[in-house]
N, C-alpha and C. Protein backbone atom coordinates (compact mmCIF):
# COMPACT_ATOMS: atom_id res chain seq x y z
N MET A 1 0.85 -1.18 0.00
CA MET A 1 0.00 0.00 0.00
C MET A 1 0.90 1.24 0.00
N ASN A 2 0.82 2.04 -1.07
CA ASN A 2 1.70 3.19 -1.25
C ASN A 2 1.58 4.21 -0.13
N VAL A 3 0.39 4.42 0.39
CA VAL A 3 0.21 5.41 1.45
C VAL A 3 0.98 5.00 2.71
N VAL A 4 1.06 3.71 2.98
CA VAL A 4 1.80 3.22 4.15
C VAL A 4 3.30 3.40 3.93
N ALA A 5 3.80 3.01 2.75
CA ALA A 5 5.23 3.15 2.46
C ALA A 5 5.65 4.61 2.53
N GLY A 6 4.86 5.50 1.96
CA GLY A 6 5.18 6.93 2.02
C GLY A 6 5.20 7.46 3.44
N PHE A 7 4.25 7.01 4.25
CA PHE A 7 4.19 7.44 5.65
C PHE A 7 5.41 6.95 6.42
N VAL A 8 5.79 5.70 6.21
CA VAL A 8 6.96 5.15 6.91
C VAL A 8 8.22 5.90 6.50
N ARG A 9 8.39 6.17 5.20
CA ARG A 9 9.57 6.93 4.74
C ARG A 9 9.62 8.31 5.39
N GLN A 10 8.48 8.98 5.43
CA GLN A 10 8.42 10.33 6.02
C GLN A 10 8.74 10.29 7.52
N GLN A 11 8.16 9.34 8.24
CA GLN A 11 8.32 9.27 9.70
C GLN A 11 9.71 8.82 10.12
N THR A 12 10.39 8.07 9.27
CA THR A 12 11.72 7.56 9.64
C THR A 12 12.86 8.38 9.04
N ALA A 13 12.54 9.41 8.26
CA ALA A 13 13.58 10.19 7.57
C ALA A 13 14.58 10.82 8.54
N SER A 14 14.13 11.23 9.72
CA SER A 14 15.02 11.91 10.66
C SER A 14 15.70 10.95 11.64
N LEU A 15 15.41 9.67 11.55
CA LEU A 15 16.04 8.71 12.46
C LEU A 15 17.50 8.50 12.07
N PRO A 16 18.35 8.27 13.06
CA PRO A 16 19.76 8.02 12.75
C PRO A 16 19.95 6.64 12.15
N GLY A 17 21.06 6.44 11.46
CA GLY A 17 21.39 5.11 10.95
C GLY A 17 20.73 4.81 9.62
N LYS A 18 20.83 3.54 9.24
CA LYS A 18 20.27 3.05 7.97
C LYS A 18 18.92 2.41 8.27
N VAL A 19 17.88 2.91 7.64
CA VAL A 19 16.51 2.43 7.88
C VAL A 19 16.05 1.62 6.68
N SER A 20 15.49 0.44 6.96
CA SER A 20 14.82 -0.35 5.93
C SER A 20 13.48 -0.80 6.51
N TYR A 21 12.54 -1.08 5.65
CA TYR A 21 11.23 -1.50 6.15
C TYR A 21 10.58 -2.46 5.16
N GLN A 22 9.63 -3.20 5.69
CA GLN A 22 8.84 -4.13 4.88
C GLN A 22 7.39 -3.98 5.29
N VAL A 23 6.54 -3.66 4.32
CA VAL A 23 5.10 -3.59 4.56
C VAL A 23 4.55 -4.97 4.27
N ASP A 24 3.93 -5.59 5.27
CA ASP A 24 3.41 -6.94 5.10
C ASP A 24 2.17 -6.94 4.22
N GLU A 25 1.95 -8.08 3.58
CA GLU A 25 0.77 -8.25 2.73
C GLU A 25 -0.50 -8.19 3.58
N MET A 26 -1.51 -7.55 3.02
CA MET A 26 -2.81 -7.52 3.70
C MET A 26 -3.56 -8.80 3.34
N ASP A 27 -4.47 -9.16 4.21
CA ASP A 27 -5.30 -10.34 3.99
C ASP A 27 -6.10 -10.13 2.70
N GLN A 28 -5.92 -11.04 1.73
CA GLN A 28 -6.59 -10.92 0.43
C GLN A 28 -8.11 -11.04 0.54
N ARG A 29 -8.58 -11.62 1.63
CA ARG A 29 -10.03 -11.76 1.81
C ARG A 29 -10.68 -10.45 2.25
N LEU A 30 -9.84 -9.48 2.64
CA LEU A 30 -10.35 -8.19 3.09
C LEU A 30 -10.81 -7.39 1.88
N ALA A 31 -12.10 -7.12 1.79
CA ALA A 31 -12.66 -6.39 0.65
C ALA A 31 -13.09 -5.01 1.12
N LEU A 32 -12.22 -4.02 0.91
CA LEU A 32 -12.52 -2.66 1.32
C LEU A 32 -13.02 -1.86 0.12
N PRO A 33 -14.01 -0.99 0.33
CA PRO A 33 -14.46 -0.13 -0.78
C PRO A 33 -13.32 0.79 -1.23
N ALA A 34 -13.29 1.13 -2.49
CA ALA A 34 -12.27 2.06 -3.01
C ALA A 34 -12.38 3.38 -2.26
N CYS A 35 -11.23 4.07 -2.12
CA CYS A 35 -11.22 5.31 -1.35
C CYS A 35 -10.31 6.31 -2.05
N ALA A 36 -10.79 7.53 -2.22
CA ALA A 36 -10.00 8.58 -2.89
C ALA A 36 -9.13 9.35 -1.90
N ARG A 37 -9.51 9.36 -0.62
CA ARG A 37 -8.78 10.18 0.37
C ARG A 37 -8.25 9.29 1.51
N LEU A 38 -7.13 8.64 1.25
CA LEU A 38 -6.50 7.79 2.27
C LEU A 38 -5.54 8.61 3.12
N GLU A 39 -5.49 8.28 4.40
CA GLU A 39 -4.58 8.96 5.32
C GLU A 39 -3.95 7.90 6.23
N ALA A 40 -2.63 7.91 6.29
CA ALA A 40 -1.91 6.99 7.18
C ALA A 40 -1.67 7.69 8.52
N PHE A 41 -1.61 6.89 9.60
CA PHE A 41 -1.36 7.45 10.93
C PHE A 41 -0.69 6.39 11.80
N LEU A 42 -0.06 6.85 12.85
CA LEU A 42 0.58 5.95 13.80
C LEU A 42 -0.38 5.72 14.95
N PRO A 43 -0.83 4.47 15.15
CA PRO A 43 -1.76 4.20 16.25
C PRO A 43 -1.13 4.52 17.60
N ALA A 44 -1.96 4.88 18.56
CA ALA A 44 -1.49 5.19 19.91
C ALA A 44 -0.70 4.02 20.47
N GLY A 45 0.44 4.32 21.06
CA GLY A 45 1.27 3.29 21.67
C GLY A 45 2.23 2.61 20.70
N SER A 46 2.12 2.91 19.41
CA SER A 46 3.03 2.30 18.42
C SER A 46 4.27 3.16 18.25
N GLN A 47 5.36 2.54 17.81
CA GLN A 47 6.60 3.25 17.53
C GLN A 47 7.05 2.91 16.12
N MET A 48 7.87 3.79 15.57
CA MET A 48 8.37 3.57 14.21
C MET A 48 9.67 2.78 14.25
N ILE A 49 9.63 1.62 14.90
CA ILE A 49 10.80 0.75 14.98
C ILE A 49 10.33 -0.66 15.30
N GLY A 50 11.01 -1.66 14.75
CA GLY A 50 10.65 -3.05 15.01
C GLY A 50 9.36 -3.44 14.32
N LYS A 51 8.70 -4.46 14.88
CA LYS A 51 7.41 -4.90 14.34
C LYS A 51 6.34 -3.99 14.91
N THR A 52 5.64 -3.30 14.02
CA THR A 52 4.66 -2.31 14.44
C THR A 52 3.49 -2.32 13.46
N SER A 53 2.59 -1.39 13.61
CA SER A 53 1.45 -1.25 12.70
C SER A 53 1.30 0.21 12.31
N VAL A 54 0.86 0.42 11.09
CA VAL A 54 0.49 1.76 10.62
C VAL A 54 -0.99 1.71 10.32
N GLY A 55 -1.71 2.69 10.84
CA GLY A 55 -3.14 2.77 10.57
C GLY A 55 -3.39 3.48 9.25
N VAL A 56 -4.43 3.04 8.55
CA VAL A 56 -4.87 3.72 7.32
C VAL A 56 -6.35 3.99 7.47
N ARG A 57 -6.70 5.26 7.29
CA ARG A 57 -8.12 5.62 7.39
C ARG A 57 -8.58 6.20 6.06
N CYS A 58 -9.81 5.85 5.71
CA CYS A 58 -10.45 6.39 4.52
C CYS A 58 -11.28 7.59 4.98
N ASN A 59 -10.99 8.77 4.42
CA ASN A 59 -11.70 9.99 4.81
C ASN A 59 -12.89 10.29 3.90
N ASP A 60 -13.27 9.34 3.04
CA ASP A 60 -14.49 9.50 2.25
C ASP A 60 -15.68 9.25 3.16
N SER A 61 -16.88 9.62 2.70
CA SER A 61 -18.07 9.31 3.50
C SER A 61 -18.21 7.79 3.57
N GLY A 62 -18.61 7.29 4.72
CA GLY A 62 -18.68 5.85 4.94
C GLY A 62 -17.29 5.25 5.03
N GLY A 63 -16.34 6.03 5.52
CA GLY A 63 -14.94 5.62 5.57
C GLY A 63 -14.69 4.42 6.47
N TRP A 64 -13.45 3.98 6.48
CA TRP A 64 -13.05 2.79 7.24
C TRP A 64 -11.63 3.00 7.78
N ASN A 65 -11.24 2.15 8.70
CA ASN A 65 -9.88 2.12 9.27
C ASN A 65 -9.35 0.70 9.18
N ILE A 66 -8.06 0.57 8.86
CA ILE A 66 -7.39 -0.73 8.96
C ILE A 66 -6.00 -0.50 9.56
N PHE A 67 -5.40 -1.56 10.03
CA PHE A 67 -4.04 -1.51 10.56
C PHE A 67 -3.17 -2.46 9.74
N VAL A 68 -2.10 -1.91 9.19
CA VAL A 68 -1.23 -2.67 8.30
C VAL A 68 0.07 -2.99 9.05
N PRO A 69 0.44 -4.28 9.15
CA PRO A 69 1.69 -4.64 9.82
C PRO A 69 2.91 -4.19 9.01
N VAL A 70 3.88 -3.63 9.73
CA VAL A 70 5.11 -3.13 9.11
C VAL A 70 6.28 -3.56 9.99
N HIS A 71 7.39 -3.95 9.37
CA HIS A 71 8.61 -4.28 10.12
C HIS A 71 9.67 -3.25 9.72
N ILE A 72 10.08 -2.42 10.70
CA ILE A 72 11.06 -1.37 10.45
C ILE A 72 12.38 -1.76 11.11
N ARG A 73 13.43 -1.81 10.30
CA ARG A 73 14.76 -2.18 10.81
C ARG A 73 15.66 -0.95 10.77
N ILE A 74 16.39 -0.72 11.86
CA ILE A 74 17.34 0.39 11.92
C ILE A 74 18.70 -0.16 12.30
N SER A 75 19.69 0.06 11.44
CA SER A 75 21.08 -0.33 11.73
C SER A 75 21.84 0.93 12.11
N LEU A 76 22.48 0.88 13.26
CA LEU A 76 23.18 2.05 13.80
C LEU A 76 24.61 1.71 14.16
N ASN A 77 25.48 2.71 14.09
CA ASN A 77 26.80 2.61 14.69
C ASN A 77 26.66 3.09 16.13
N LEU A 78 26.83 2.17 17.07
CA LEU A 78 26.67 2.49 18.49
C LEU A 78 28.00 2.36 19.22
N LEU A 79 28.08 3.03 20.36
CA LEU A 79 29.26 2.90 21.21
C LEU A 79 29.16 1.65 22.04
N ALA A 80 30.27 0.94 22.13
CA ALA A 80 30.34 -0.26 22.97
C ALA A 80 31.66 -0.19 23.75
N SER A 81 31.77 -1.03 24.75
CA SER A 81 33.01 -1.08 25.52
C SER A 81 34.07 -1.84 24.72
N ALA A 82 35.28 -1.31 24.70
CA ALA A 82 36.38 -1.95 23.97
C ALA A 82 36.94 -3.13 24.75
N ARG A 83 36.66 -3.17 26.05
CA ARG A 83 37.16 -4.24 26.93
C ARG A 83 36.25 -4.32 28.14
N GLN A 84 36.45 -5.31 28.97
CA GLN A 84 35.68 -5.42 30.21
C GLN A 84 36.04 -4.24 31.11
N LEU A 85 35.02 -3.60 31.69
CA LEU A 85 35.25 -2.42 32.52
C LEU A 85 34.52 -2.57 33.86
N PRO A 86 35.16 -2.17 34.96
CA PRO A 86 34.56 -2.37 36.28
C PRO A 86 33.59 -1.26 36.68
N LEU A 87 32.77 -1.56 37.65
CA LEU A 87 31.88 -0.58 38.30
C LEU A 87 32.71 0.62 38.73
N GLY A 88 32.18 1.83 38.52
CA GLY A 88 32.86 3.04 38.98
C GLY A 88 33.95 3.55 38.06
N HIS A 89 34.19 2.86 36.94
CA HIS A 89 35.24 3.27 36.01
C HIS A 89 34.82 4.55 35.29
N THR A 90 35.72 5.53 35.21
CA THR A 90 35.48 6.75 34.44
C THR A 90 35.90 6.49 33.00
N LEU A 91 34.96 6.63 32.08
CA LEU A 91 35.22 6.28 30.68
C LEU A 91 36.14 7.28 29.99
N GLN A 92 37.09 6.73 29.25
CA GLN A 92 38.01 7.50 28.41
C GLN A 92 37.79 7.04 26.97
N GLU A 93 38.28 7.81 26.03
CA GLU A 93 38.07 7.49 24.62
C GLU A 93 38.59 6.09 24.26
N GLN A 94 39.72 5.67 24.84
CA GLN A 94 40.28 4.35 24.52
C GLN A 94 39.44 3.20 25.07
N ASP A 95 38.46 3.49 25.94
CA ASP A 95 37.56 2.46 26.46
C ASP A 95 36.42 2.15 25.50
N LEU A 96 36.29 2.94 24.43
CA LEU A 96 35.13 2.87 23.55
C LEU A 96 35.47 2.24 22.21
N ALA A 97 34.49 1.52 21.66
CA ALA A 97 34.58 0.95 20.32
C ALA A 97 33.25 1.24 19.62
N SER A 98 33.26 1.20 18.30
CA SER A 98 32.04 1.40 17.53
C SER A 98 31.60 0.06 16.95
N VAL A 99 30.31 -0.26 17.11
CA VAL A 99 29.76 -1.48 16.54
C VAL A 99 28.52 -1.14 15.74
N THR A 100 28.34 -1.82 14.62
CA THR A 100 27.13 -1.64 13.82
C THR A 100 26.18 -2.77 14.18
N THR A 101 24.97 -2.38 14.56
CA THR A 101 24.00 -3.39 14.99
C THR A 101 22.59 -2.95 14.63
N GLU A 102 21.71 -3.93 14.46
CA GLU A 102 20.30 -3.64 14.25
C GLU A 102 19.66 -3.44 15.61
N VAL A 103 18.94 -2.34 15.77
CA VAL A 103 18.36 -2.01 17.07
C VAL A 103 16.84 -2.15 17.05
N THR A 104 16.30 -2.46 18.22
CA THR A 104 14.85 -2.55 18.37
C THR A 104 14.30 -1.38 19.16
N GLN A 105 15.21 -0.60 19.75
CA GLN A 105 14.82 0.65 20.40
C GLN A 105 16.00 1.60 20.32
N LEU A 106 15.72 2.89 20.34
CA LEU A 106 16.78 3.88 20.18
C LEU A 106 17.32 4.29 21.54
N SER A 107 18.08 3.40 22.18
CA SER A 107 18.59 3.71 23.52
C SER A 107 20.10 3.71 23.60
N GLY A 108 20.79 3.22 22.59
CA GLY A 108 22.25 3.17 22.62
C GLY A 108 22.87 4.53 22.34
N LEU A 109 24.08 4.75 22.86
CA LEU A 109 24.80 6.00 22.63
C LEU A 109 25.53 5.93 21.29
N THR A 110 25.59 7.06 20.59
CA THR A 110 26.22 7.11 19.27
C THR A 110 27.44 8.03 19.22
N ASP A 111 27.55 8.96 20.14
CA ASP A 111 28.62 9.96 20.13
C ASP A 111 29.53 9.77 21.33
N PRO A 112 30.85 9.68 21.13
CA PRO A 112 31.76 9.51 22.27
C PRO A 112 31.61 10.59 23.34
N MET A 113 31.20 11.80 22.94
CA MET A 113 31.04 12.87 23.93
C MET A 113 29.90 12.58 24.91
N GLN A 114 29.01 11.65 24.56
CA GLN A 114 27.95 11.24 25.48
C GLN A 114 28.48 10.35 26.59
N ALA A 115 29.69 9.81 26.41
CA ALA A 115 30.22 8.82 27.36
C ALA A 115 31.52 9.22 28.04
N VAL A 116 32.41 9.88 27.31
CA VAL A 116 33.73 10.22 27.87
C VAL A 116 33.57 11.11 29.10
N GLY A 117 34.23 10.71 30.19
CA GLY A 117 34.16 11.46 31.45
C GLY A 117 33.05 11.00 32.37
N LYS A 118 32.13 10.17 31.86
CA LYS A 118 31.05 9.64 32.70
C LYS A 118 31.56 8.41 33.44
N VAL A 119 30.83 8.02 34.50
CA VAL A 119 31.23 6.92 35.36
C VAL A 119 30.23 5.77 35.20
N LEU A 120 30.74 4.54 35.12
CA LEU A 120 29.86 3.37 34.99
C LEU A 120 29.12 3.09 36.29
N ARG A 121 27.82 2.85 36.18
CA ARG A 121 27.00 2.51 37.35
C ARG A 121 27.22 1.06 37.77
N TYR A 122 27.70 0.21 36.84
CA TYR A 122 28.00 -1.19 37.12
C TYR A 122 29.02 -1.68 36.10
N GLY A 123 29.65 -2.81 36.39
CA GLY A 123 30.64 -3.37 35.49
C GLY A 123 30.00 -3.86 34.20
N ILE A 124 30.76 -3.78 33.09
CA ILE A 124 30.24 -4.23 31.80
C ILE A 124 31.29 -5.10 31.09
N THR A 125 30.82 -5.93 30.17
CA THR A 125 31.70 -6.84 29.43
C THR A 125 32.19 -6.18 28.15
N ALA A 126 33.23 -6.73 27.56
CA ALA A 126 33.75 -6.24 26.29
C ALA A 126 32.68 -6.36 25.22
N GLY A 127 32.50 -5.32 24.42
CA GLY A 127 31.53 -5.35 23.33
C GLY A 127 30.12 -4.97 23.73
N GLN A 128 29.88 -4.71 25.00
CA GLN A 128 28.53 -4.36 25.45
C GLN A 128 28.19 -2.94 25.00
N VAL A 129 27.02 -2.77 24.37
CA VAL A 129 26.58 -1.47 23.89
C VAL A 129 26.26 -0.58 25.09
N LEU A 130 26.71 0.68 25.01
CA LEU A 130 26.51 1.63 26.10
C LEU A 130 25.18 2.37 25.95
N ARG A 131 24.47 2.50 27.07
CA ARG A 131 23.23 3.26 27.13
C ARG A 131 23.38 4.36 28.18
N LYS A 132 22.57 5.39 28.06
CA LYS A 132 22.62 6.52 28.99
C LYS A 132 22.39 6.07 30.43
N ASP A 133 21.48 5.11 30.64
CA ASP A 133 21.15 4.69 32.01
C ASP A 133 22.28 3.89 32.67
N MET A 134 23.32 3.52 31.91
CA MET A 134 24.46 2.79 32.48
C MET A 134 25.49 3.74 33.08
N LEU A 135 25.33 5.04 32.81
CA LEU A 135 26.35 6.02 33.17
C LEU A 135 25.79 7.08 34.12
N ARG A 136 26.69 7.69 34.86
CA ARG A 136 26.33 8.82 35.71
C ARG A 136 27.44 9.86 35.61
N GLN A 137 27.10 11.08 36.02
CA GLN A 137 28.11 12.13 36.11
C GLN A 137 29.08 11.77 37.23
N PRO A 138 30.35 12.18 37.13
CA PRO A 138 31.27 11.94 38.25
C PRO A 138 30.83 12.77 39.45
N PHE A 139 31.11 12.28 40.65
CA PHE A 139 30.75 13.02 41.86
C PHE A 139 31.65 14.24 41.99
N SER A 140 31.06 15.39 42.29
CA SER A 140 31.87 16.57 42.61
C SER A 140 31.98 16.71 44.12
N VAL A 141 31.12 15.99 44.85
CA VAL A 141 31.13 15.95 46.31
C VAL A 141 30.94 14.49 46.72
N THR A 142 31.77 14.00 47.64
CA THR A 142 31.62 12.62 48.12
C THR A 142 31.28 12.60 49.60
N GLN A 143 30.56 11.56 50.00
CA GLN A 143 30.15 11.42 51.40
C GLN A 143 31.37 11.47 52.31
N GLY A 144 31.27 12.30 53.37
CA GLY A 144 32.36 12.44 54.33
C GLY A 144 33.36 13.53 53.98
N GLN A 145 33.31 14.02 52.74
CA GLN A 145 34.25 15.06 52.30
C GLN A 145 33.94 16.38 53.01
N ILE A 146 34.98 17.11 53.41
CA ILE A 146 34.80 18.46 53.94
C ILE A 146 34.62 19.38 52.74
N VAL A 147 33.46 20.04 52.69
CA VAL A 147 33.10 20.87 51.55
C VAL A 147 33.05 22.33 51.97
N GLN A 148 33.20 23.20 50.98
CA GLN A 148 33.07 24.63 51.21
C GLN A 148 31.63 25.02 50.94
N LEU A 149 30.98 25.64 51.92
CA LEU A 149 29.61 26.12 51.77
C LEU A 149 29.66 27.58 51.36
N ILE A 150 28.91 27.94 50.35
CA ILE A 150 28.82 29.34 49.96
C ILE A 150 27.36 29.73 49.81
N ALA A 151 27.06 30.95 50.22
CA ALA A 151 25.71 31.51 50.07
C ALA A 151 25.87 32.96 49.64
N HIS A 152 25.08 33.37 48.68
CA HIS A 152 25.14 34.75 48.18
C HIS A 152 23.78 35.38 48.39
N GLY A 153 23.81 36.63 48.75
CA GLY A 153 22.58 37.39 48.89
C GLY A 153 22.81 38.78 48.32
N SER A 154 21.86 39.66 48.51
CA SER A 154 21.96 41.02 48.01
C SER A 154 23.04 41.77 48.78
N GLY A 155 24.20 41.93 48.17
CA GLY A 155 25.28 42.68 48.78
C GLY A 155 26.11 41.92 49.79
N PHE A 156 25.95 40.61 49.91
CA PHE A 156 26.78 39.86 50.87
C PHE A 156 27.01 38.44 50.38
N SER A 157 28.01 37.79 50.96
CA SER A 157 28.24 36.37 50.72
C SER A 157 28.75 35.75 52.01
N ILE A 158 28.44 34.49 52.22
CA ILE A 158 28.83 33.76 53.42
C ILE A 158 29.61 32.53 52.98
N ASN A 159 30.74 32.28 53.64
CA ASN A 159 31.54 31.08 53.39
C ASN A 159 31.68 30.32 54.69
N SER A 160 31.55 29.01 54.62
CA SER A 160 31.72 28.15 55.78
C SER A 160 32.17 26.79 55.27
N SER A 161 32.26 25.83 56.17
CA SER A 161 32.59 24.47 55.73
C SER A 161 31.77 23.47 56.53
N GLY A 162 31.68 22.27 56.02
CA GLY A 162 30.94 21.20 56.68
C GLY A 162 31.26 19.88 56.01
N ALA A 163 30.68 18.80 56.53
CA ALA A 163 30.92 17.46 56.00
C ALA A 163 29.73 17.00 55.17
N ALA A 164 29.99 16.58 53.93
CA ALA A 164 28.93 16.09 53.05
C ALA A 164 28.38 14.78 53.60
N LEU A 165 27.06 14.65 53.58
CA LEU A 165 26.41 13.43 54.09
C LEU A 165 26.05 12.45 52.97
N ASN A 166 26.22 12.87 51.71
CA ASN A 166 25.94 11.97 50.59
C ASN A 166 26.80 12.35 49.40
N ASN A 167 26.90 11.42 48.45
CA ASN A 167 27.59 11.69 47.18
C ASN A 167 26.66 12.51 46.29
N ALA A 168 27.24 13.40 45.48
CA ALA A 168 26.42 14.18 44.55
C ALA A 168 27.27 14.64 43.38
N GLY A 169 26.69 14.56 42.20
CA GLY A 169 27.31 15.13 41.01
C GLY A 169 26.99 16.61 40.94
N GLU A 170 27.67 17.31 40.07
CA GLU A 170 27.44 18.74 39.95
C GLU A 170 25.98 19.01 39.58
N GLY A 171 25.35 19.93 40.35
CA GLY A 171 23.95 20.28 40.12
C GLY A 171 22.96 19.43 40.89
N GLN A 172 23.44 18.42 41.61
CA GLN A 172 22.56 17.54 42.39
C GLN A 172 22.48 18.01 43.84
N PRO A 173 21.37 17.67 44.53
CA PRO A 173 21.23 18.06 45.94
C PRO A 173 22.18 17.28 46.84
N VAL A 174 22.66 17.96 47.90
CA VAL A 174 23.55 17.33 48.86
C VAL A 174 23.23 17.87 50.25
N GLN A 175 23.30 16.99 51.24
CA GLN A 175 23.11 17.38 52.64
C GLN A 175 24.48 17.55 53.27
N VAL A 176 24.65 18.61 54.08
CA VAL A 176 25.93 18.90 54.72
C VAL A 176 25.72 19.11 56.21
N ARG A 177 26.55 18.43 57.02
CA ARG A 177 26.50 18.62 58.47
C ARG A 177 27.46 19.75 58.82
N VAL A 178 26.91 20.76 59.51
CA VAL A 178 27.69 21.90 59.96
C VAL A 178 27.73 21.85 61.48
N GLY A 179 28.91 21.85 62.06
CA GLY A 179 29.02 21.71 63.51
C GLY A 179 28.65 20.29 63.91
N SER A 180 28.10 20.15 65.11
CA SER A 180 27.82 18.80 65.61
C SER A 180 26.42 18.31 65.28
N SER A 181 25.47 19.21 64.99
CA SER A 181 24.11 18.71 64.81
C SER A 181 23.31 19.36 63.69
N ARG A 182 23.73 20.47 63.16
CA ARG A 182 22.94 21.18 62.16
C ARG A 182 23.19 20.59 60.77
N VAL A 183 22.11 20.31 60.03
CA VAL A 183 22.21 19.78 58.66
C VAL A 183 21.58 20.80 57.70
N ILE A 184 22.33 21.12 56.66
CA ILE A 184 21.89 22.10 55.67
C ILE A 184 21.86 21.43 54.30
N GLY A 185 20.84 21.74 53.52
CA GLY A 185 20.75 21.22 52.16
C GLY A 185 21.26 22.25 51.17
N GLY A 186 21.93 21.79 50.14
CA GLY A 186 22.43 22.68 49.11
C GLY A 186 22.59 21.95 47.79
N ILE A 187 23.20 22.62 46.84
CA ILE A 187 23.43 22.06 45.51
C ILE A 187 24.93 21.92 45.29
N ALA A 188 25.36 20.71 44.90
CA ALA A 188 26.78 20.45 44.67
C ALA A 188 27.26 21.22 43.44
N ARG A 189 28.40 21.84 43.57
CA ARG A 189 29.09 22.51 42.47
C ARG A 189 30.45 21.87 42.30
N ALA A 190 31.23 22.33 41.36
CA ALA A 190 32.54 21.74 41.08
C ALA A 190 33.50 21.91 42.25
N LYS A 191 34.45 20.99 42.36
CA LYS A 191 35.58 21.05 43.28
C LYS A 191 35.18 21.16 44.75
N GLY A 192 34.17 20.41 45.17
CA GLY A 192 33.83 20.35 46.59
C GLY A 192 33.13 21.57 47.13
N VAL A 193 32.47 22.33 46.28
CA VAL A 193 31.71 23.51 46.71
C VAL A 193 30.23 23.15 46.75
N VAL A 194 29.54 23.60 47.81
CA VAL A 194 28.10 23.41 47.93
C VAL A 194 27.46 24.79 48.05
N GLU A 195 26.52 25.07 47.15
CA GLU A 195 25.83 26.35 47.14
C GLU A 195 24.53 26.23 47.91
N ILE A 196 24.32 27.18 48.82
CA ILE A 196 23.13 27.16 49.67
C ILE A 196 22.24 28.33 49.28
N GLY A 197 20.97 28.05 49.09
CA GLY A 197 20.02 29.11 48.78
C GLY A 197 19.56 29.79 50.06
N LEU A 198 19.38 31.09 49.99
CA LEU A 198 18.90 31.85 51.16
C LEU A 198 17.50 32.33 50.93
């Protein structure tokens, strides 16, 4: 069905990688009235990847709807680990390899800048494709570290120090113990600095 093929080409044009698709044959027993105004659409909950369906609606009076099975294949160059890497490892360019693979969801990383400098949340094997959820920002504040507290207001600034009660990457919330009992919340910044809002 030309309307389905055109719709798939249009919807997948901006996807990364090499896209191929196959529109499955419709049941020959299906006898639909001729239609001058066909419109293709993506049914709710469907994605333009893997085995999916494209809806076709007839906008003539007495119109109809059908769902046409389509198989969309996407081959991508993804980042993978060049070797086995342990939990907590900070990724460097030499830790990365490129692999071409057919994907069923668009979750793998494609650009080394998405991975270099990030820290592994768990150990991975050689050749394992990297995903965003496998990585975290490096901690700028670590639990137990003595941090510099800074607060700015209209015409003044306050500097103090305290002990971080949790790990936090830059821009993440962190709790800091000041003195023997007071706990203050702030936002972790680079190099062991915690910014406190007033």
